[in-house]
């Protein structure tokens, strides 16, 4: 008689993003007992997310996978699938294009974001399932969890943390982890 092996499956963790007092573009990210400051959209948070509104969606966002800069070879401790960013990697943010809110390759004419940015925001970047699995035009694109600008400047709708804090959070991130923006 063959023994069945049981694998222990743990539920994906939940990361909470709640508004920080003072400025609508600031938040606190909590993963278990770990709480770190973050920048969110310049327009704060919204239930009715639209392309270009500068707001972070109030929603439960599943994590899909991540990207990292290739010329920064340090190992990232995370069970999340992390891909190396290449020069030709872009993200389409043109609502009328069939590739809207998808990874595309250069050359690409419609509106897009470069993943290999000069400012380092996407040196570590985690893709959330905002408007990806089930896409709707103009509902918002490229809602990522990425690195901050100096001074925690607001984002265009993403959630951004300090590189040190990203490295502390990554071990708790895997495909299916939920980021709940309150």
C-alpha atoms as a PDB file:
ATOM      1  CA  UNK A   1       0.000   0.000   0.000  1.00  0.00           C
ATOM      2  CA  UNK A   2       1.418   3.335  -1.064  1.00  0.00           C
ATOM      3  CA  UNK A   3       1.634   6.042   1.569  1.00  0.00           C
ATOM      4  CA  UNK A   4       0.321   9.420   0.628  1.00  0.00           C
ATOM      5  CA  UNK A   5       2.570  12.291   1.491  1.00  0.00           C
ATOM      6  CA  UNK A   6       0.877  15.244   2.971  1.00  0.00           C
ATOM      7  CA  UNK A   7       2.410  18.577   2.310  1.00  0.00           C
ATOM      8  CA  UNK A   8       1.663  21.277   4.762  1.00  0.00           C
ATOM      9  CA  UNK A   9       0.266  24.297   3.001  1.00  0.00           C
ATOM     10  CA  UNK A  10       0.247  27.567   4.783  1.00  0.00           C
ATOM     11  CA  UNK A  11      -2.112  30.322   3.843  1.00  0.00           C
ATOM     12  CA  UNK A  12      -0.503  33.298   2.127  1.00  0.00           C
ATOM     13  CA  UNK A  13       0.260  36.096   4.533  1.00  0.00           C
ATOM     14  CA  UNK A  14      -1.516  39.419   4.443  1.00  0.00           C
ATOM     15  CA  UNK A  15       0.278  42.744   4.373  1.00  0.00           C
ATOM     16  CA  UNK A  16      -1.780  45.712   5.536  1.00  0.00           C
ATOM     17  CA  UNK A  17      -1.342  49.228   4.119  1.00  0.00           C
ATOM     18  CA  UNK A  18      -3.130  51.859   6.164  1.00  0.00           C
ATOM     19  CA  UNK A  19      -3.033  55.643   5.933  1.00  0.00           C
ATOM     20  CA  UNK A  20      -0.435  57.403   8.031  1.00  0.00           C
ATOM     21  CA  UNK A  21      -1.486  60.518   9.932  1.00  0.00           C
ATOM     22  CA  UNK A  22      -0.673  63.857   8.375  1.00  0.00           C
ATOM     23  CA  UNK A  23      -0.363  63.437   4.606  1.00  0.00           C
ATOM     24  CA  UNK A  24      -2.651  61.601   2.199  1.00  0.00           C
ATOM     25  CA  UNK A  25       0.354  60.306   0.257  1.00  0.00           C
ATOM     26  CA  UNK A  26       1.876  58.517   3.261  1.00  0.00           C
ATOM     27  CA  UNK A  27       1.040  55.117   4.667  1.00  0.00           C
ATOM     28  CA  UNK A  28       2.175  52.471   7.113  1.00  0.00           C
ATOM     29  CA  UNK A  29       2.854  48.953   5.847  1.00  0.00           C
ATOM     30  CA  UNK A  30       2.356  46.172   8.384  1.00  0.00           C
ATOM     31  CA  UNK A  31       3.427  42.556   7.994  1.00  0.00           C
ATOM     32  CA  UNK A  32       2.921  40.759  11.302  1.00  0.00           C
ATOM     33  CA  UNK A  33       4.752  42.779  13.970  1.00  0.00           C
ATOM     34  CA  UNK A  34       6.857  44.629  11.356  1.00  0.00           C
ATOM     35  CA  UNK A  35       5.568  48.157  10.581  1.00  0.00           C
ATOM     36  CA  UNK A  36       7.383  50.409   8.092  1.00  0.00           C
ATOM     37  CA  UNK A  37       6.626  53.820   6.559  1.00  0.00           C
ATOM     38  CA  UNK A  38       5.610  54.013   2.899  1.00  0.00           C
ATOM     39  CA  UNK A  39       4.689  56.431   0.156  1.00  0.00           C
ATOM     40  CA  UNK A  40       1.445  55.933  -1.759  1.00  0.00           C
ATOM     41  CA  UNK A  41      -0.310  57.835  -4.540  1.00  0.00           C
ATOM     42  CA  UNK A  42      -0.054  61.629  -4.709  1.00  0.00           C
ATOM     43  CA  UNK A  43      -3.878  61.736  -4.573  1.00  0.00           C
ATOM     44  CA  UNK A  44      -4.035  59.374  -1.591  1.00  0.00           C
ATOM     45  CA  UNK A  45      -6.300  56.336  -1.777  1.00  0.00           C
ATOM     46  CA  UNK A  46      -9.477  55.693  -3.748  1.00  0.00           C
ATOM     47  CA  UNK A  47     -12.167  53.082  -4.233  1.00  0.00           C
ATOM     48  CA  UNK A  48     -12.758  54.275  -7.825  1.00  0.00           C
ATOM     49  CA  UNK A  49      -9.273  53.889  -9.322  1.00  0.00           C
ATOM     50  CA  UNK A  50      -8.830  55.418 -12.809  1.00  0.00           C
ATOM     51  CA  UNK A  51      -5.809  55.567 -15.122  1.00  0.00           C
ATOM     52  CA  UNK A  52      -3.695  58.623 -14.344  1.00  0.00           C
ATOM     53  CA  UNK A  53      -5.574  59.715 -11.186  1.00  0.00           C
ATOM     54  CA  UNK A  54      -2.475  59.396  -8.992  1.00  0.00           C
ATOM     55  CA  UNK A  55      -4.338  57.381  -6.356  1.00  0.00           C
ATOM     56  CA  UNK A  56      -3.612  54.036  -4.744  1.00  0.00           C
ATOM     57  CA  UNK A  57      -6.581  51.653  -5.010  1.00  0.00           C
ATOM     58  CA  UNK A  58      -8.360  50.708  -1.782  1.00  0.00           C
ATOM     59  CA  UNK A  59      -8.467  46.982  -2.439  1.00  0.00           C
ATOM     60  CA  UNK A  60      -6.977  43.583  -1.710  1.00  0.00           C
ATOM     61  CA  UNK A  61      -4.104  43.118  -4.142  1.00  0.00           C
ATOM     62  CA  UNK A  62      -2.598  39.668  -4.700  1.00  0.00           C
ATOM     63  CA  UNK A  63       1.133  39.515  -5.373  1.00  0.00           C
ATOM     64  CA  UNK A  64       2.087  37.865  -8.663  1.00  0.00           C
ATOM     65  CA  UNK A  65       5.882  38.089  -9.129  1.00  0.00           C
ATOM     66  CA  UNK A  66       8.694  40.611  -8.989  1.00  0.00           C
ATOM     67  CA  UNK A  67      11.525  42.237 -10.886  1.00  0.00           C
ATOM     68  CA  UNK A  68      15.022  43.283  -9.895  1.00  0.00           C
ATOM     69  CA  UNK A  69      17.820  45.177 -11.573  1.00  0.00           C
ATOM     70  CA  UNK A  70      20.333  42.803 -13.101  1.00  0.00           C
ATOM     71  CA  UNK A  71      23.428  44.840 -12.343  1.00  0.00           C
ATOM     72  CA  UNK A  72      22.639  44.602  -8.618  1.00  0.00           C
ATOM     73  CA  UNK A  73      23.519  40.927  -8.138  1.00  0.00           C
ATOM     74  CA  UNK A  74      22.874  40.643  -4.391  1.00  0.00           C
ATOM     75  CA  UNK A  75      20.561  37.771  -3.572  1.00  0.00           C
ATOM     76  CA  UNK A  76      17.033  38.580  -2.503  1.00  0.00           C
ATOM     77  CA  UNK A  77      15.584  36.386   0.246  1.00  0.00           C
ATOM     78  CA  UNK A  78      12.033  35.693  -0.877  1.00  0.00           C
ATOM     79  CA  UNK A  79       9.859  32.783  -1.981  1.00  0.00           C
ATOM     80  CA  UNK A  80       8.371  35.124  -4.610  1.00  0.00           C
ATOM     81  CA  UNK A  81       9.445  34.559  -8.215  1.00  0.00           C
ATOM     82  CA  UNK A  82      11.807  37.438  -9.107  1.00  0.00           C
ATOM     83  CA  UNK A  83      12.851  38.109 -12.712  1.00  0.00           C
ATOM     84  CA  UNK A  84      15.864  40.097 -13.812  1.00  0.00           C
ATOM     85  CA  UNK A  85      14.980  43.341 -15.614  1.00  0.00           C
ATOM     86  CA  UNK A  86      16.348  43.646 -19.132  1.00  0.00           C
ATOM     87  CA  UNK A  87      16.780  46.856 -21.098  1.00  0.00           C
ATOM     88  CA  UNK A  88      13.902  46.002 -23.460  1.00  0.00           C
ATOM     89  CA  UNK A  89      11.302  45.425 -20.705  1.00  0.00           C
ATOM     90  CA  UNK A  90       8.441  47.927 -20.679  1.00  0.00           C
ATOM     91  CA  UNK A  91       4.966  48.055 -19.104  1.00  0.00           C
ATOM     92  CA  UNK A  92       2.094  49.242 -21.322  1.00  0.00           C
ATOM     93  CA  UNK A  93      -0.092  51.945 -19.733  1.00  0.00           C
ATOM     94  CA  UNK A  94      -2.094  52.885 -22.853  1.00  0.00           C
ATOM     95  CA  UNK A  95      -5.756  51.973 -22.068  1.00  0.00           C
ATOM     96  CA  UNK A  96      -6.751  51.531 -25.734  1.00  0.00           C
ATOM     97  CA  UNK A  97      -3.925  49.130 -26.550  1.00  0.00           C
ATOM     98  CA  UNK A  98      -4.525  45.331 -26.431  1.00  0.00           C
ATOM     99  CA  UNK A  99      -1.387  45.077 -24.244  1.00  0.00           C
ATOM    100  CA  UNK A 100      -2.762  47.493 -21.618  1.00  0.00           C
ATOM    101  CA  UNK A 101      -1.347  46.767 -18.153  1.00  0.00           C
ATOM    102  CA  UNK A 102       0.971  44.075 -19.470  1.00  0.00           C
ATOM    103  CA  UNK A 103       4.696  43.529 -19.759  1.00  0.00           C
ATOM    104  CA  UNK A 104       5.849  44.362 -23.317  1.00  0.00           C
ATOM    105  CA  UNK A 105       9.172  44.553 -25.128  1.00  0.00           C
ATOM    106  CA  UNK A 106      10.888  47.468 -26.804  1.00  0.00           C
ATOM    107  CA  UNK A 107      10.496  48.836 -29.356  1.00  0.00           C
ATOM    108  CA  UNK A 108       6.914  49.663 -28.375  1.00  0.00           C
ATOM    109  CA  UNK A 109       5.133  52.801 -29.608  1.00  0.00           C
ATOM    110  CA  UNK A 110       2.064  53.129 -27.326  1.00  0.00           C
ATOM    111  CA  UNK A 111       2.445  54.792 -23.922  1.00  0.00           C
ATOM    112  CA  UNK A 112       4.524  52.722 -21.511  1.00  0.00           C
ATOM    113  CA  UNK A 113       6.837  52.737 -18.496  1.00  0.00           C
ATOM    114  CA  UNK A 114      10.425  51.538 -18.641  1.00  0.00           C
ATOM    115  CA  UNK A 115      11.151  48.922 -16.001  1.00  0.00           C
ATOM    116  CA  UNK A 116      14.904  49.612 -16.067  1.00  0.00           C
ATOM    117  CA  UNK A 117      14.532  53.121 -14.659  1.00  0.00           C
ATOM    118  CA  UNK A 118      17.380  55.528 -14.054  1.00  0.00           C
ATOM    119  CA  UNK A 119      15.891  56.656 -10.713  1.00  0.00           C
ATOM    120  CA  UNK A 120      16.086  53.150  -9.186  1.00  0.00           C
ATOM    121  CA  UNK A 121      12.412  52.926  -8.174  1.00  0.00           C
ATOM    122  CA  UNK A 122      12.076  49.513  -9.804  1.00  0.00           C
ATOM    123  CA  UNK A 123      15.448  48.114  -8.689  1.00  0.00           C
ATOM    124  CA  UNK A 124      13.162  45.844  -6.652  1.00  0.00           C
ATOM    125  CA  UNK A 125       9.573  45.864  -7.885  1.00  0.00           C
ATOM    126  CA  UNK A 126       6.694  43.516  -7.025  1.00  0.00           C
ATOM    127  CA  UNK A 127       3.758  43.245  -9.431  1.00  0.00           C
ATOM    128  CA  UNK A 128       0.282  43.243  -7.859  1.00  0.00           C
ATOM    129  CA  UNK A 129      -2.791  41.794  -9.504  1.00  0.00           C
ATOM    130  CA  UNK A 130      -4.479  45.168  -9.854  1.00  0.00           C
ATOM    131  CA  UNK A 131      -6.361  45.111 -13.162  1.00  0.00           C
ATOM    132  CA  UNK A 132      -4.168  42.347 -14.617  1.00  0.00           C
ATOM    133  CA  UNK A 133      -6.009  39.021 -14.376  1.00  0.00           C
ATOM    134  CA  UNK A 134      -9.273  40.728 -15.244  1.00  0.00           C
ATOM    135  CA  UNK A 135      -8.417  43.923 -17.147  1.00  0.00           C
ATOM    136  CA  UNK A 136     -10.715  46.884 -17.657  1.00  0.00           C
ATOM    137  CA  UNK A 137      -9.693  49.887 -19.751  1.00  0.00           C
ATOM    138  CA  UNK A 138      -8.827  53.013 -17.761  1.00  0.00           C
ATOM    139  CA  UNK A 139      -9.015  51.206 -14.409  1.00  0.00           C
ATOM    140  CA  UNK A 140      -5.315  51.809 -13.712  1.00  0.00           C
ATOM    141  CA  UNK A 141      -2.069  50.131 -14.658  1.00  0.00           C
ATOM    142  CA  UNK A 142       1.343  49.342 -13.207  1.00  0.00           C
ATOM    143  CA  UNK A 143       0.214  49.288  -9.577  1.00  0.00           C
ATOM    144  CA  UNK A 144       3.436  47.952  -8.101  1.00  0.00           C
ATOM    145  CA  UNK A 145       5.076  47.599  -4.687  1.00  0.00           C
ATOM    146  CA  UNK A 146       8.475  49.220  -5.252  1.00  0.00           C
ATOM    147  CA  UNK A 147      11.239  51.396  -3.797  1.00  0.00           C
ATOM    148  CA  UNK A 148      10.777  54.999  -2.633  1.00  0.00           C
ATOM    149  CA  UNK A 149      12.041  58.275  -3.966  1.00  0.00           C
ATOM    150  CA  UNK A 150      14.106  60.333  -1.501  1.00  0.00           C
ATOM    151  CA  UNK A 151      11.930  61.931   1.167  1.00  0.00           C
ATOM    152  CA  UNK A 152       9.087  59.444   0.590  1.00  0.00           C
ATOM    153  CA  UNK A 153       7.777  61.479  -2.329  1.00  0.00           C
ATOM    154  CA  UNK A 154       4.306  60.369  -3.481  1.00  0.00           C
ATOM    155  CA  UNK A 155       3.889  57.737  -6.178  1.00  0.00           C
ATOM    156  CA  UNK A 156       1.564  57.655  -9.193  1.00  0.00           C
ATOM    157  CA  UNK A 157      -0.597  55.074  -7.357  1.00  0.00           C
ATOM    158  CA  UNK A 158       1.887  52.428  -6.226  1.00  0.00           C
ATOM    159  CA  UNK A 159       3.090  51.557  -2.738  1.00  0.00           C
ATOM    160  CA  UNK A 160       6.761  52.373  -2.150  1.00  0.00           C
ATOM    161  CA  UNK A 161       9.119  51.590   0.723  1.00  0.00           C
ATOM    162  CA  UNK A 162      12.776  52.140   1.611  1.00  0.00           C
ATOM    163  CA  UNK A 163      15.174  49.497   0.166  1.00  0.00           C
ATOM    164  CA  UNK A 164      16.067  48.346   3.698  1.00  0.00           C
ATOM    165  CA  UNK A 165      12.379  47.822   4.479  1.00  0.00           C
ATOM    166  CA  UNK A 166      11.757  46.058   1.161  1.00  0.00           C
ATOM    167  CA  UNK A 167      14.460  43.542   2.065  1.00  0.00           C
ATOM    168  CA  UNK A 168      12.776  43.014   5.452  1.00  0.00           C
ATOM    169  CA  UNK A 169       9.368  42.452   3.809  1.00  0.00           C
ATOM    170  CA  UNK A 170      10.442  40.245   0.880  1.00  0.00           C
ATOM    171  CA  UNK A 171      10.885  37.053   2.959  1.00  0.00           C
ATOM    172  CA  UNK A 172       7.152  37.286   3.793  1.00  0.00           C
ATOM    173  CA  UNK A 173       6.071  37.756   0.166  1.00  0.00           C
ATOM    174  CA  UNK A 174       5.094  34.931  -2.149  1.00  0.00           C
ATOM    175  CA  UNK A 175       2.681  34.484  -5.004  1.00  0.00           C
ATOM    176  CA  UNK A 176      -0.793  34.920  -3.553  1.00  0.00           C
ATOM    177  CA  UNK A 177       0.217  37.075  -0.601  1.00  0.00           C
ATOM    178  CA  UNK A 178      -2.441  39.744  -0.223  1.00  0.00           C
ATOM    179  CA  UNK A 179      -1.708  43.429   0.215  1.00  0.00           C
ATOM    180  CA  UNK A 180      -4.817  45.007   1.767  1.00  0.00           C
ATOM    181  CA  UNK A 181      -4.956  48.738   1.222  1.00  0.00           C
ATOM    182  CA  UNK A 182      -7.354  50.180   3.789  1.00  0.00           C
END
